[in-house]
Amino acid sequence: QVQPVESGGGLVQVGGSLSLSCAASVLFFSTYCMGWFRQAPGKEREFVASITWSGGSTYYADSVKGRFTISRDNAKSTVYLQMNNLRPEDAAVYYCARNRARCSDSTVASYDYWGQGTQVTVSS
């Protein structure tokens, strides 16, 4: 049981906010960098944000910088993605994943275990 589970997706108006959660087992979660990716229909999966195990360093895609905030609560084995000022281009399935390399590595190949994803829909 190493697959993380995302929740919090849904429908939001342009300019609105959503908060996503990703829960995993304690043993799976501890000491690992965790990240969020997203994939829109017909598009490649793209990096959104990542956070080191201590929470001391965060990394963001330029497209979400200043609008999204990644955080984690190691006691709860949960990583969060707070999304503000949502735009139509933010609509996608959002995936939580565990990094197997460096947290600053933003490629899909840097992540080994993935959740099933949660749908975020942005309407205008």
N, C-alpha and C. Protein backbone atom coordinates (compact mmCIF):
# COMPACT_ATOMS: atom_id res chain seq x y z
N GLN A 1 0.83 -1.19 0.00
CA GLN A 1 0.00 0.00 0.00
C GLN A 1 0.87 1.25 0.00
N VAL A 2 1.40 1.58 -1.17
CA VAL A 2 2.30 2.73 -1.28
C VAL A 2 1.74 3.83 -2.16
N GLN A 3 0.55 3.64 -2.70
CA GLN A 3 -0.03 4.63 -3.59
C GLN A 3 -0.67 5.76 -2.80
N PRO A 4 -0.26 7.00 -3.06
CA PRO A 4 -0.91 8.13 -2.40
C PRO A 4 -2.33 8.34 -2.93
N VAL A 5 -3.15 9.01 -2.14
CA VAL A 5 -4.54 9.24 -2.50
C VAL A 5 -4.83 10.73 -2.46
N GLU A 6 -5.25 11.28 -3.60
CA GLU A 6 -5.57 12.70 -3.70
C GLU A 6 -7.04 12.94 -3.40
N SER A 7 -7.34 14.13 -2.93
CA SER A 7 -8.71 14.55 -2.71
C SER A 7 -8.79 16.06 -2.79
N GLY A 8 -10.00 16.58 -2.91
CA GLY A 8 -10.21 18.02 -2.90
C GLY A 8 -10.52 18.64 -4.24
N GLY A 9 -10.44 17.86 -5.30
CA GLY A 9 -10.75 18.39 -6.61
C GLY A 9 -12.22 18.70 -6.75
N GLY A 10 -12.55 19.47 -7.76
CA GLY A 10 -13.93 19.83 -7.99
C GLY A 10 -14.06 20.93 -9.00
N LEU A 11 -15.22 21.54 -9.02
CA LEU A 11 -15.54 22.62 -9.94
C LEU A 11 -15.40 23.96 -9.25
N VAL A 12 -14.71 24.88 -9.90
CA VAL A 12 -14.52 26.21 -9.34
C VAL A 12 -14.60 27.24 -10.46
N GLN A 13 -15.07 28.42 -10.13
CA GLN A 13 -15.14 29.50 -11.10
C GLN A 13 -13.76 30.13 -11.31
N VAL A 14 -13.59 30.74 -12.46
CA VAL A 14 -12.35 31.47 -12.72
C VAL A 14 -12.12 32.48 -11.60
N GLY A 15 -10.89 32.51 -11.09
CA GLY A 15 -10.56 33.40 -10.00
C GLY A 15 -10.79 32.81 -8.62
N GLY A 16 -11.39 31.65 -8.57
CA GLY A 16 -11.68 31.00 -7.31
C GLY A 16 -10.50 30.20 -6.79
N SER A 17 -10.75 29.48 -5.71
CA SER A 17 -9.69 28.72 -5.04
C SER A 17 -10.13 27.30 -4.75
N LEU A 18 -9.15 26.42 -4.69
CA LEU A 18 -9.34 25.05 -4.26
C LEU A 18 -8.12 24.61 -3.48
N SER A 19 -8.33 23.69 -2.56
CA SER A 19 -7.23 23.11 -1.81
C SER A 19 -7.23 21.61 -2.01
N LEU A 20 -6.13 21.07 -2.49
CA LEU A 20 -5.99 19.65 -2.71
C LEU A 20 -5.18 19.02 -1.59
N SER A 21 -5.50 17.78 -1.28
CA SER A 21 -4.76 17.03 -0.29
C SER A 21 -4.28 15.72 -0.88
N CYS A 22 -3.16 15.25 -0.37
CA CYS A 22 -2.59 13.98 -0.79
C CYS A 22 -2.14 13.24 0.45
N ALA A 23 -2.77 12.12 0.72
CA ALA A 23 -2.47 11.34 1.91
C ALA A 23 -1.74 10.05 1.54
N ALA A 24 -0.79 9.68 2.37
CA ALA A 24 -0.03 8.45 2.16
C ALA A 24 0.29 7.82 3.51
N SER A 25 0.80 6.61 3.48
CA SER A 25 1.20 5.95 4.71
C SER A 25 2.41 6.66 5.30
N VAL A 26 2.60 6.52 6.59
CA VAL A 26 3.72 7.14 7.27
C VAL A 26 5.05 6.68 6.70
N LEU A 27 5.21 5.39 6.51
CA LEU A 27 6.47 4.85 6.01
C LEU A 27 6.74 5.30 4.58
N PHE A 28 5.71 5.41 3.79
CA PHE A 28 5.85 5.86 2.41
C PHE A 28 6.25 7.33 2.36
N PHE A 29 5.66 8.13 3.21
CA PHE A 29 5.76 9.57 3.16
C PHE A 29 7.04 10.12 3.78
N SER A 30 7.45 9.53 4.86
CA SER A 30 8.56 10.07 5.65
C SER A 30 9.85 10.19 4.86
N THR A 31 10.48 11.35 4.98
CA THR A 31 11.79 11.71 4.41
C THR A 31 11.78 11.95 2.89
N TYR A 32 10.66 11.78 2.25
CA TYR A 32 10.61 11.94 0.79
C TYR A 32 10.12 13.31 0.37
N CYS A 33 10.74 13.80 -0.68
CA CYS A 33 10.19 14.95 -1.39
C CYS A 33 8.89 14.52 -2.07
N MET A 34 7.89 15.37 -2.00
CA MET A 34 6.61 15.09 -2.64
C MET A 34 6.29 16.19 -3.64
N GLY A 35 5.59 15.80 -4.69
CA GLY A 35 5.27 16.77 -5.72
C GLY A 35 3.87 16.64 -6.27
N TRP A 36 3.44 17.69 -6.94
CA TRP A 36 2.17 17.72 -7.64
C TRP A 36 2.42 17.91 -9.13
N PHE A 37 1.72 17.13 -9.93
CA PHE A 37 1.71 17.27 -11.37
C PHE A 37 0.28 17.43 -11.83
N ARG A 38 0.11 17.85 -13.06
CA ARG A 38 -1.23 17.92 -13.63
C ARG A 38 -1.19 17.53 -15.10
N GLN A 39 -2.32 17.06 -15.58
CA GLN A 39 -2.42 16.65 -16.97
C GLN A 39 -3.80 16.99 -17.51
N ALA A 40 -3.81 17.82 -18.53
CA ALA A 40 -5.04 18.18 -19.22
C ALA A 40 -5.25 17.24 -20.40
N PRO A 41 -6.48 17.08 -20.87
CA PRO A 41 -6.74 16.20 -22.00
C PRO A 41 -5.89 16.55 -23.21
N GLY A 42 -5.23 15.55 -23.78
CA GLY A 42 -4.41 15.76 -24.95
C GLY A 42 -3.06 16.38 -24.68
N LYS A 43 -2.75 16.63 -23.43
CA LYS A 43 -1.49 17.26 -23.06
C LYS A 43 -0.61 16.31 -22.26
N GLU A 44 0.67 16.60 -22.25
CA GLU A 44 1.59 15.83 -21.44
C GLU A 44 1.45 16.20 -19.97
N ARG A 45 1.78 15.26 -19.12
CA ARG A 45 1.78 15.54 -17.69
C ARG A 45 2.87 16.56 -17.38
N GLU A 46 2.53 17.59 -16.63
CA GLU A 46 3.48 18.65 -16.35
C GLU A 46 3.63 18.88 -14.85
N PHE A 47 4.82 19.28 -14.50
CA PHE A 47 5.16 19.58 -13.12
C PHE A 47 4.44 20.82 -12.64
N VAL A 48 3.97 20.78 -11.40
CA VAL A 48 3.30 21.92 -10.79
C VAL A 48 4.11 22.47 -9.63
N ALA A 49 4.41 21.61 -8.66
CA ALA A 49 5.13 22.05 -7.48
C ALA A 49 5.70 20.86 -6.74
N SER A 50 6.73 21.11 -5.93
CA SER A 50 7.29 20.05 -5.10
C SER A 50 7.79 20.66 -3.79
N ILE A 51 7.99 19.79 -2.82
CA ILE A 51 8.42 20.25 -1.50
C ILE A 51 9.31 19.20 -0.86
N THR A 52 10.41 19.65 -0.26
CA THR A 52 11.34 18.74 0.39
C THR A 52 10.72 18.12 1.63
N TRP A 53 11.35 17.08 2.12
CA TRP A 53 10.77 16.33 3.25
C TRP A 53 10.60 17.19 4.48
N SER A 54 11.50 18.15 4.68
CA SER A 54 11.43 19.02 5.84
C SER A 54 10.50 20.21 5.62
N GLY A 55 10.12 20.43 4.38
CA GLY A 55 9.33 21.60 4.04
C GLY A 55 10.15 22.85 3.86
N GLY A 56 11.46 22.71 3.94
CA GLY A 56 12.34 23.86 3.87
C GLY A 56 12.51 24.47 2.50
N SER A 57 12.28 23.67 1.47
CA SER A 57 12.43 24.16 0.11
C SER A 57 11.21 23.77 -0.71
N THR A 58 10.76 24.70 -1.53
CA THR A 58 9.65 24.44 -2.44
C THR A 58 10.03 24.86 -3.84
N TYR A 59 9.41 24.23 -4.81
CA TYR A 59 9.68 24.51 -6.21
C TYR A 59 8.36 24.60 -6.95
N TYR A 60 8.28 25.56 -7.86
CA TYR A 60 7.04 25.80 -8.58
C TYR A 60 7.28 25.98 -10.07
N ALA A 61 6.33 25.51 -10.85
CA ALA A 61 6.33 25.84 -12.26
C ALA A 61 6.04 27.33 -12.41
N ASP A 62 6.63 27.94 -13.42
CA ASP A 62 6.43 29.36 -13.63
C ASP A 62 4.95 29.71 -13.80
N SER A 63 4.20 28.81 -14.37
CA SER A 63 2.80 29.07 -14.65
C SER A 63 1.93 29.19 -13.41
N VAL A 64 2.40 28.66 -12.28
CA VAL A 64 1.60 28.69 -11.06
C VAL A 64 2.24 29.51 -9.95
N LYS A 65 3.44 29.96 -10.16
CA LYS A 65 4.17 30.69 -9.14
C LYS A 65 3.41 31.95 -8.72
N GLY A 66 3.26 32.11 -7.43
CA GLY A 66 2.53 33.25 -6.90
C GLY A 66 1.06 32.99 -6.70
N ARG A 67 0.55 31.91 -7.29
CA ARG A 67 -0.87 31.57 -7.16
C ARG A 67 -1.09 30.29 -6.36
N PHE A 68 -0.19 29.33 -6.52
CA PHE A 68 -0.30 28.05 -5.83
C PHE A 68 0.72 27.97 -4.70
N THR A 69 0.37 27.25 -3.66
CA THR A 69 1.27 27.03 -2.54
C THR A 69 1.26 25.56 -2.15
N ILE A 70 2.43 24.95 -2.14
CA ILE A 70 2.54 23.57 -1.70
C ILE A 70 3.02 23.56 -0.25
N SER A 71 2.48 22.64 0.52
CA SER A 71 2.89 22.51 1.92
C SER A 71 2.73 21.05 2.33
N ARG A 72 3.27 20.71 3.48
CA ARG A 72 3.13 19.34 3.96
C ARG A 72 3.05 19.29 5.47
N ASP A 73 2.40 18.27 5.97
CA ASP A 73 2.29 18.01 7.38
C ASP A 73 2.76 16.58 7.59
N ASN A 74 4.00 16.43 7.99
CA ASN A 74 4.58 15.09 8.12
C ASN A 74 3.90 14.26 9.22
N ALA A 75 3.40 14.92 10.24
CA ALA A 75 2.70 14.21 11.31
C ALA A 75 1.44 13.55 10.79
N LYS A 76 0.85 14.14 9.75
CA LYS A 76 -0.36 13.60 9.15
C LYS A 76 -0.08 12.87 7.84
N SER A 77 1.18 12.81 7.46
CA SER A 77 1.59 12.18 6.20
C SER A 77 0.76 12.70 5.03
N THR A 78 0.64 14.01 4.98
CA THR A 78 -0.20 14.65 3.98
C THR A 78 0.52 15.83 3.34
N VAL A 79 0.37 15.96 2.04
CA VAL A 79 0.88 17.11 1.31
C VAL A 79 -0.31 17.84 0.71
N TYR A 80 -0.22 19.16 0.66
CA TYR A 80 -1.33 19.99 0.21
C TYR A 80 -0.93 20.85 -0.97
N LEU A 81 -1.91 21.23 -1.73
CA LEU A 81 -1.72 22.21 -2.78
C LEU A 81 -2.86 23.21 -2.71
N GLN A 82 -2.54 24.41 -2.25
CA GLN A 82 -3.52 25.48 -2.20
C GLN A 82 -3.46 26.23 -3.52
N MET A 83 -4.57 26.27 -4.22
CA MET A 83 -4.63 26.90 -5.53
C MET A 83 -5.55 28.11 -5.47
N ASN A 84 -4.99 29.27 -5.75
CA ASN A 84 -5.73 30.52 -5.74
C ASN A 84 -5.76 31.15 -7.12
N ASN A 85 -6.73 32.02 -7.32
CA ASN A 85 -6.85 32.75 -8.59
C ASN A 85 -6.77 31.80 -9.78
N LEU A 86 -7.61 30.79 -9.75
CA LEU A 86 -7.58 29.76 -10.78
C LEU A 86 -7.96 30.29 -12.15
N ARG A 87 -7.28 29.78 -13.14
CA ARG A 87 -7.49 30.15 -14.53
C ARG A 87 -7.98 28.95 -15.32
N PRO A 88 -8.59 29.17 -16.48
CA PRO A 88 -9.05 28.03 -17.29
C PRO A 88 -7.94 27.04 -17.62
N GLU A 89 -6.74 27.53 -17.83
CA GLU A 89 -5.62 26.65 -18.16
C GLU A 89 -5.15 25.80 -16.98
N ASP A 90 -5.68 26.06 -15.79
CA ASP A 90 -5.37 25.23 -14.64
C ASP A 90 -6.21 23.97 -14.58
N ALA A 91 -7.25 23.89 -15.38
CA ALA A 91 -8.11 22.72 -15.40
C ALA A 91 -7.33 21.50 -15.85
N ALA A 92 -7.36 20.46 -15.05
CA ALA A 92 -6.61 19.25 -15.35
C ALA A 92 -6.88 18.22 -14.25
N VAL A 93 -6.36 17.03 -14.47
CA VAL A 93 -6.30 16.05 -13.40
C VAL A 93 -5.00 16.29 -12.66
N TYR A 94 -5.09 16.45 -11.36
CA TYR A 94 -3.91 16.73 -10.55
C TYR A 94 -3.46 15.46 -9.83
N TYR A 95 -2.18 15.19 -9.94
CA TYR A 95 -1.59 13.99 -9.37
C TYR A 95 -0.58 14.32 -8.29
N CYS A 96 -0.60 13.56 -7.24
CA CYS A 96 0.40 13.61 -6.20
C CYS A 96 1.38 12.47 -6.43
N ALA A 97 2.67 12.72 -6.20
CA ALA A 97 3.67 11.69 -6.43
C ALA A 97 4.87 11.85 -5.50
N ARG A 98 5.61 10.77 -5.34
CA ARG A 98 6.80 10.76 -4.51
C ARG A 98 8.04 10.85 -5.37
N ASN A 99 8.95 11.72 -4.98
CA ASN A 99 10.18 11.93 -5.72
C ASN A 99 11.21 10.88 -5.35
N ARG A 100 11.86 10.31 -6.35
CA ARG A 100 12.88 9.29 -6.13
C ARG A 100 14.29 9.82 -6.35
N ALA A 101 14.40 11.10 -6.67
CA ALA A 101 15.69 11.71 -6.96
C ALA A 101 15.82 13.01 -6.17
N ARG A 102 16.13 14.09 -6.87
CA ARG A 102 16.27 15.39 -6.23
C ARG A 102 14.95 16.15 -6.31
N CYS A 103 14.62 16.84 -5.25
CA CYS A 103 13.35 17.56 -5.22
C CYS A 103 13.29 18.66 -6.27
N SER A 104 14.45 19.15 -6.65
CA SER A 104 14.50 20.19 -7.67
C SER A 104 14.31 19.63 -9.09
N ASP A 105 14.35 18.31 -9.23
CA ASP A 105 14.09 17.68 -10.52
C ASP A 105 12.59 17.68 -10.79
N SER A 106 12.19 18.32 -11.85
CA SER A 106 10.77 18.51 -12.14
C SER A 106 10.22 17.57 -13.20
N THR A 107 11.01 16.60 -13.63
CA THR A 107 10.57 15.68 -14.66
C THR A 107 9.71 14.56 -14.08
N VAL A 108 8.83 14.02 -14.91
CA VAL A 108 7.99 12.90 -14.51
C VAL A 108 8.85 11.72 -14.07
N ALA A 109 9.98 11.52 -14.75
CA ALA A 109 10.86 10.40 -14.45
C ALA A 109 11.48 10.49 -13.07
N SER A 110 11.45 11.65 -12.45
CA SER A 110 12.00 11.82 -11.11
C SER A 110 11.09 11.28 -10.02
N TYR A 111 9.88 10.88 -10.38
CA TYR A 111 8.89 10.43 -9.41
C TYR A 111 8.54 8.97 -9.63
N ASP A 112 8.46 8.23 -8.53
CA ASP A 112 8.29 6.78 -8.66
C ASP A 112 6.89 6.25 -8.36
N TYR A 113 6.18 6.85 -7.42
CA TYR A 113 4.84 6.39 -7.08
C TYR A 113 3.84 7.52 -7.24
N TRP A 114 2.72 7.20 -7.89
CA TRP A 114 1.72 8.19 -8.24
C TRP A 114 0.35 7.84 -7.71
N GLY A 115 -0.41 8.86 -7.35
CA GLY A 115 -1.79 8.66 -7.01
C GLY A 115 -2.64 8.55 -8.25
N GLN A 116 -3.93 8.32 -8.07
CA GLN A 116 -4.85 8.16 -9.19
C GLN A 116 -5.31 9.48 -9.77
N GLY A 117 -5.11 10.55 -9.05
CA GLY A 117 -5.45 11.87 -9.54
C GLY A 117 -6.80 12.36 -9.06
N THR A 118 -6.96 13.67 -9.04
CA THR A 118 -8.22 14.30 -8.71
C THR A 118 -8.51 15.41 -9.73
N GLN A 119 -9.74 15.46 -10.19
CA GLN A 119 -10.11 16.36 -11.27
C GLN A 119 -10.37 17.77 -10.76
N VAL A 120 -9.75 18.73 -11.42
CA VAL A 120 -10.01 20.14 -11.16
C VAL A 120 -10.60 20.75 -12.42
N THR A 121 -11.79 21.30 -12.30
CA THR A 121 -12.46 21.94 -13.42
C THR A 121 -12.65 23.42 -13.12
N VAL A 122 -12.24 24.25 -14.05
CA VAL A 122 -12.36 25.70 -13.89
C VAL A 122 -13.34 26.21 -14.93
N SER A 123 -14.42 26.79 -14.49
CA SER A 123 -15.46 27.26 -15.39
C SER A 123 -15.48 28.78 -15.45
N SER A 124 -15.95 29.30 -16.56
CA SER A 124 -16.07 30.74 -16.75
C SER A 124 -17.51 31.14 -17.00
